[in-house]
Amino acid sequence: MAILTLEHVSKIYGPLKALDNINLEVREGEWLAIMGPSG
């Protein structure tokens, strides 16, 4: 069972396309980390 579901997510910072139409599902008990240039 998913505790977090994201569908068709995009994020742009100025000229940088950080996310482009992503889908993500996090299930109970799973860990998720998203790392960028600033850590």
Protein backbone atom coordinates (compact mmCIF):
# COMPACT_ATOMS: atom_id res chain seq x y z
CA MET A 1 0.00 0.00 0.00
CA ALA A 2 1.42 3.38 -1.01
CA ILE A 3 1.69 6.07 1.67
CA LEU A 4 2.84 8.65 -0.90
CA THR A 5 2.03 8.79 -4.61
CA LEU A 6 3.17 11.50 -7.02
CA GLU A 7 2.11 11.50 -10.67
CA HIS A 8 3.31 13.66 -13.58
CA VAL A 9 5.41 16.00 -11.41
CA SER A 10 7.72 18.57 -13.00
CA LYS A 11 9.85 21.26 -11.35
CA ILE A 12 11.93 23.95 -13.02
CA TYR A 13 14.42 26.30 -11.31
CA GLY A 14 15.25 29.04 -13.81
CA PRO A 15 16.96 27.26 -16.74
CA LEU A 16 17.32 23.96 -14.82
CA LYS A 17 14.66 21.28 -15.27
CA ALA A 18 15.08 19.38 -11.98
CA LEU A 19 12.13 16.99 -12.45
CA ASP A 20 10.45 16.16 -15.74
CA ASN A 21 7.07 14.41 -15.58
CA ILE A 22 8.08 11.88 -12.90
CA ASN A 23 5.90 9.32 -11.16
CA LEU A 24 6.84 8.13 -7.69
CA GLU A 25 5.31 5.73 -5.20
CA VAL A 26 6.62 5.20 -1.67
CA ARG A 27 5.29 2.23 0.24
CA GLU A 28 5.07 1.78 3.99
CA GLY A 29 8.48 0.88 5.43
CA GLU A 30 10.46 2.26 2.47
CA TRP A 31 12.96 5.12 2.76
CA LEU A 32 13.43 7.84 0.17
CA ALA A 33 16.08 10.54 -0.16
CA ILE A 34 16.35 13.11 -2.92
CA MET A 35 19.79 14.70 -3.11
CA GLY A 36 20.78 17.82 -4.98
CA PRO A 37 23.84 20.04 -5.35
CA SER A 38 23.39 21.47 -1.84
CA GLY A 39 23.14 18.01 -0.31
